[in-house]
Amino acid sequence: MEFQFYDIINKSCPVHINDSLAAKYPRMPRQDRAKIFAPFAALHGHAEQTHAQERITVERIELSQDSIDEINIIIQDMEEKIDLKQTVKAAVTYFVPDTERTNEGYYATVKGKIDKIDVTFGKMLIDGQIINFDDIYNIAVK
């Protein structure tokens, strides 16, 4: 007799209730059965490397001296306003370095109130986000 797919597709699984097999091998809960078929990492670190290659990064843009000077003037103006207890709102675009690739990362923009500017350490605090002056690409004061 030839094997037919339809011969087994509609059959129910065997049920062992009061026999020696049921005592020796109790029925496994459905959640535990799912773990049997879960994938495993045959190559350690392979998934991380694959995800690292999927990340989209760009090279850091080197600003011209004119752009750096312009950003520094804007930061000084914002610092003066903060010292006078004025509210300063801005949109700051800055470079976020990648943890694995050198001189690569992505650009993020944070909008909000400038809480603090520390010229000594070259950092600013905007909506709880600390940004280094060296990472700033653009500032738009609102």
C-alpha atoms as a PDB file:
ATOM      1  CA  MET A   1       0.000   0.000   0.000  1.00  0.00           C
ATOM      2  CA  GLU A   2       1.293   3.405  -0.949  1.00  0.00           C
ATOM      3  CA  PHE A   3       1.687   6.135   1.699  1.00  0.00           C
ATOM      4  CA  GLN A   4      -0.827   8.914   1.380  1.00  0.00           C
ATOM      5  CA  PHE A   5      -0.605  12.259   3.118  1.00  0.00           C
ATOM      6  CA  TYR A   6      -4.336  12.218   3.667  1.00  0.00           C
ATOM      7  CA  ASP A   7      -4.038   8.971   5.645  1.00  0.00           C
ATOM      8  CA  ILE A   8      -2.384  10.732   8.567  1.00  0.00           C
ATOM      9  CA  ILE A   9      -3.471  14.360   8.342  1.00  0.00           C
ATOM     10  CA  ASN A  10      -6.847  13.850   9.998  1.00  0.00           C
ATOM     11  CA  LYS A  11      -5.762  11.334  12.616  1.00  0.00           C
ATOM     12  CA  SER A  12      -5.654  12.424  16.222  1.00  0.00           C
ATOM     13  CA  CYS A  13      -2.582  11.911  18.359  1.00  0.00           C
ATOM     14  CA  PRO A  14      -2.474   8.730  20.446  1.00  0.00           C
ATOM     15  CA  VAL A  15      -3.967   9.026  23.920  1.00  0.00           C
ATOM     16  CA  HIS A  16      -2.467   7.066  26.811  1.00  0.00           C
ATOM     17  CA  ILE A  17      -4.620   7.422  29.897  1.00  0.00           C
ATOM     18  CA  ASN A  18      -4.354   4.444  32.216  1.00  0.00           C
ATOM     19  CA  ASP A  19      -1.472   2.434  30.879  1.00  0.00           C
ATOM     20  CA  SER A  20       2.213   2.088  31.753  1.00  0.00           C
ATOM     21  CA  LEU A  21       3.258   4.579  29.055  1.00  0.00           C
ATOM     22  CA  ALA A  22       1.111   7.350  30.565  1.00  0.00           C
ATOM     23  CA  ALA A  23       2.635   6.779  33.997  1.00  0.00           C
ATOM     24  CA  LYS A  24       6.176   6.799  32.643  1.00  0.00           C
ATOM     25  CA  TYR A  25       5.720   9.748  30.243  1.00  0.00           C
ATOM     26  CA  PRO A  26       3.060  12.198  31.479  1.00  0.00           C
ATOM     27  CA  ARG A  27       1.567  14.598  28.944  1.00  0.00           C
ATOM     28  CA  MET A  28       3.692  17.734  28.523  1.00  0.00           C
ATOM     29  CA  PRO A  29       2.021  21.147  28.854  1.00  0.00           C
ATOM     30  CA  ARG A  30       1.649  23.065  25.607  1.00  0.00           C
ATOM     31  CA  GLN A  31       4.053  25.856  26.699  1.00  0.00           C
ATOM     32  CA  ASP A  32       6.806  23.320  27.360  1.00  0.00           C
ATOM     33  CA  ARG A  33       6.206  21.547  24.059  1.00  0.00           C
ATOM     34  CA  ALA A  34       6.812  24.793  22.205  1.00  0.00           C
ATOM     35  CA  LYS A  35      10.300  25.031  23.757  1.00  0.00           C
ATOM     36  CA  ILE A  36      11.313  21.795  22.076  1.00  0.00           C
ATOM     37  CA  PHE A  37      10.951  23.385  18.667  1.00  0.00           C
ATOM     38  CA  ALA A  38      12.553  26.722  19.584  1.00  0.00           C
ATOM     39  CA  PRO A  39      15.629  27.597  17.533  1.00  0.00           C
ATOM     40  CA  PHE A  40      19.053  27.330  19.085  1.00  0.00           C
ATOM     41  CA  ALA A  41      22.280  29.174  18.367  1.00  0.00           C
ATOM     42  CA  ALA A  42      24.572  26.665  16.709  1.00  0.00           C
ATOM     43  CA  LEU A  43      27.164  29.387  16.099  1.00  0.00           C
ATOM     44  CA  HIS A  44      27.726  31.653  19.073  1.00  0.00           C
ATOM     45  CA  GLY A  45      27.823  35.320  18.072  1.00  0.00           C
ATOM     46  CA  HIS A  46      26.465  34.677  14.584  1.00  0.00           C
ATOM     47  CA  ALA A  47      23.121  36.367  15.275  1.00  0.00           C
ATOM     48  CA  GLU A  48      24.858  39.427  16.743  1.00  0.00           C
ATOM     49  CA  GLN A  49      27.129  39.725  13.716  1.00  0.00           C
ATOM     50  CA  THR A  50      24.164  39.406  11.376  1.00  0.00           C
ATOM     51  CA  HIS A  51      22.264  42.122  13.242  1.00  0.00           C
ATOM     52  CA  ALA A  52      25.364  44.326  13.234  1.00  0.00           C
ATOM     53  CA  GLN A  53      25.499  44.113   9.447  1.00  0.00           C
ATOM     54  CA  GLU A  54      21.797  44.988   9.219  1.00  0.00           C
ATOM     55  CA  ARG A  55      22.306  48.271  11.109  1.00  0.00           C
ATOM     56  CA  ILE A  56      22.354  51.284   8.861  1.00  0.00           C
ATOM     57  CA  THR A  57      25.204  53.607   9.708  1.00  0.00           C
ATOM     58  CA  VAL A  58      26.792  56.593   8.039  1.00  0.00           C
ATOM     59  CA  GLU A  59      30.240  58.084   8.268  1.00  0.00           C
ATOM     60  CA  ARG A  60      30.689  61.048  10.560  1.00  0.00           C
ATOM     61  CA  ILE A  61      30.538  64.348   8.684  1.00  0.00           C
ATOM     62  CA  GLU A  62      33.489  66.610   9.410  1.00  0.00           C
ATOM     63  CA  LEU A  63      32.261  70.164   9.842  1.00  0.00           C
ATOM     64  CA  SER A  64      34.073  73.135   8.377  1.00  0.00           C
ATOM     65  CA  GLN A  65      35.602  75.662  10.738  1.00  0.00           C
ATOM     66  CA  ASP A  66      32.887  78.173   9.759  1.00  0.00           C
ATOM     67  CA  SER A  67      30.170  75.715  10.788  1.00  0.00           C
ATOM     68  CA  ILE A  68      31.937  75.003  14.089  1.00  0.00           C
ATOM     69  CA  ASP A  69      32.238  78.731  14.787  1.00  0.00           C
ATOM     70  CA  GLU A  70      28.556  79.251  14.002  1.00  0.00           C
ATOM     71  CA  ILE A  71      27.545  76.453  16.383  1.00  0.00           C
ATOM     72  CA  ASN A  72      29.799  77.900  19.107  1.00  0.00           C
ATOM     73  CA  ILE A  73      28.155  81.341  18.725  1.00  0.00           C
ATOM     74  CA  ILE A  74      24.688  79.780  19.022  1.00  0.00           C
ATOM     75  CA  ILE A  75      25.787  77.870  22.145  1.00  0.00           C
ATOM     76  CA  GLN A  76      27.153  81.083  23.716  1.00  0.00           C
ATOM     77  CA  ASP A  77      23.880  82.911  22.998  1.00  0.00           C
ATOM     78  CA  MET A  78      21.878  80.059  24.523  1.00  0.00           C
ATOM     79  CA  GLU A  79      24.134  79.999  27.585  1.00  0.00           C
ATOM     80  CA  GLU A  80      23.632  83.737  28.140  1.00  0.00           C
ATOM     81  CA  LYS A  81      19.851  83.347  27.920  1.00  0.00           C
ATOM     82  CA  ILE A  82      19.906  80.420  30.365  1.00  0.00           C
ATOM     83  CA  ASP A  83      22.031  82.495  32.792  1.00  0.00           C
ATOM     84  CA  LEU A  84      19.334  85.195  32.593  1.00  0.00           C
ATOM     85  CA  LYS A  85      16.734  82.517  33.521  1.00  0.00           C
ATOM     86  CA  GLN A  86      15.143  82.608  30.072  1.00  0.00           C
ATOM     87  CA  THR A  87      13.686  79.483  28.529  1.00  0.00           C
ATOM     88  CA  VAL A  88      15.578  78.312  25.477  1.00  0.00           C
ATOM     89  CA  LYS A  89      14.042  75.755  23.136  1.00  0.00           C
ATOM     90  CA  ALA A  90      16.010  74.209  20.309  1.00  0.00           C
ATOM     91  CA  ALA A  91      16.319  71.285  17.940  1.00  0.00           C
ATOM     92  CA  VAL A  92      19.794  69.765  18.116  1.00  0.00           C
ATOM     93  CA  THR A  93      21.021  67.306  15.511  1.00  0.00           C
ATOM     94  CA  TYR A  94      23.986  65.309  16.747  1.00  0.00           C
ATOM     95  CA  PHE A  95      26.098  62.284  15.858  1.00  0.00           C
ATOM     96  CA  VAL A  96      25.622  59.051  17.818  1.00  0.00           C
ATOM     97  CA  PRO A  97      28.707  56.820  17.365  1.00  0.00           C
ATOM     98  CA  ASP A  98      28.253  53.126  16.600  1.00  0.00           C
ATOM     99  CA  THR A  99      29.525  50.800  19.311  1.00  0.00           C
ATOM    100  CA  GLU A 100      31.251  48.426  16.892  1.00  0.00           C
ATOM    101  CA  ARG A 101      32.258  50.483  13.854  1.00  0.00           C
ATOM    102  CA  THR A 102      34.823  53.242  14.084  1.00  0.00           C
ATOM    103  CA  ASN A 103      33.919  56.686  12.729  1.00  0.00           C
ATOM    104  CA  GLU A 104      30.419  55.463  11.862  1.00  0.00           C
ATOM    105  CA  GLY A 105      27.046  55.910  13.513  1.00  0.00           C
ATOM    106  CA  TYR A 106      23.837  57.794  12.889  1.00  0.00           C
ATOM    107  CA  TYR A 107      22.460  61.290  13.309  1.00  0.00           C
ATOM    108  CA  ALA A 108      19.656  61.917  15.772  1.00  0.00           C
ATOM    109  CA  THR A 109      17.639  65.046  16.483  1.00  0.00           C
ATOM    110  CA  VAL A 110      16.290  65.959  19.882  1.00  0.00           C
ATOM    111  CA  LYS A 111      13.857  68.847  20.339  1.00  0.00           C
ATOM    112  CA  GLY A 112      13.026  70.534  23.576  1.00  0.00           C
ATOM    113  CA  LYS A 113      14.102  72.850  26.349  1.00  0.00           C
ATOM    114  CA  ILE A 114      17.805  73.343  26.962  1.00  0.00           C
ATOM    115  CA  ASP A 115      18.204  72.565  30.654  1.00  0.00           C
ATOM    116  CA  LYS A 116      21.909  73.222  31.104  1.00  0.00           C
ATOM    117  CA  ILE A 117      25.023  74.148  29.153  1.00  0.00           C
ATOM    118  CA  ASP A 118      28.455  73.260  30.573  1.00  0.00           C
ATOM    119  CA  VAL A 119      31.149  74.993  28.545  1.00  0.00           C
ATOM    120  CA  THR A 120      33.923  73.616  30.780  1.00  0.00           C
ATOM    121  CA  PHE A 121      33.154  70.007  29.868  1.00  0.00           C
ATOM    122  CA  GLY A 122      31.663  70.799  26.436  1.00  0.00           C
ATOM    123  CA  LYS A 123      28.223  69.310  27.088  1.00  0.00           C
ATOM    124  CA  MET A 124      24.599  70.362  27.054  1.00  0.00           C
ATOM    125  CA  LEU A 125      21.495  68.851  28.611  1.00  0.00           C
ATOM    126  CA  ILE A 126      18.341  68.962  26.510  1.00  0.00           C
ATOM    127  CA  ASP A 127      15.232  67.083  27.647  1.00  0.00           C
ATOM    128  CA  GLY A 128      17.317  64.705  29.750  1.00  0.00           C
ATOM    129  CA  GLN A 129      19.707  63.938  26.863  1.00  0.00           C
ATOM    130  CA  ILE A 130      23.389  64.801  27.340  1.00  0.00           C
ATOM    131  CA  ILE A 131      25.047  65.908  24.116  1.00  0.00           C
ATOM    132  CA  ASN A 132      28.761  66.608  23.595  1.00  0.00           C
ATOM    133  CA  PHE A 133      29.568  69.799  21.725  1.00  0.00           C
ATOM    134  CA  ASP A 134      31.886  67.820  19.421  1.00  0.00           C
ATOM    135  CA  ASP A 135      28.965  65.630  18.283  1.00  0.00           C
ATOM    136  CA  ILE A 136      26.652  68.514  17.344  1.00  0.00           C
ATOM    137  CA  TYR A 137      25.932  68.803  13.647  1.00  0.00           C
ATOM    138  CA  ASN A 138      23.259  71.507  13.712  1.00  0.00           C
ATOM    139  CA  ILE A 139      21.318  73.654  16.187  1.00  0.00           C
ATOM    140  CA  ALA A 140      18.025  75.369  15.372  1.00  0.00           C
ATOM    141  CA  VAL A 141      16.913  77.719  18.163  1.00  0.00           C
ATOM    142  CA  LYS A 142      13.156  78.185  18.436  1.00  0.00           C
END
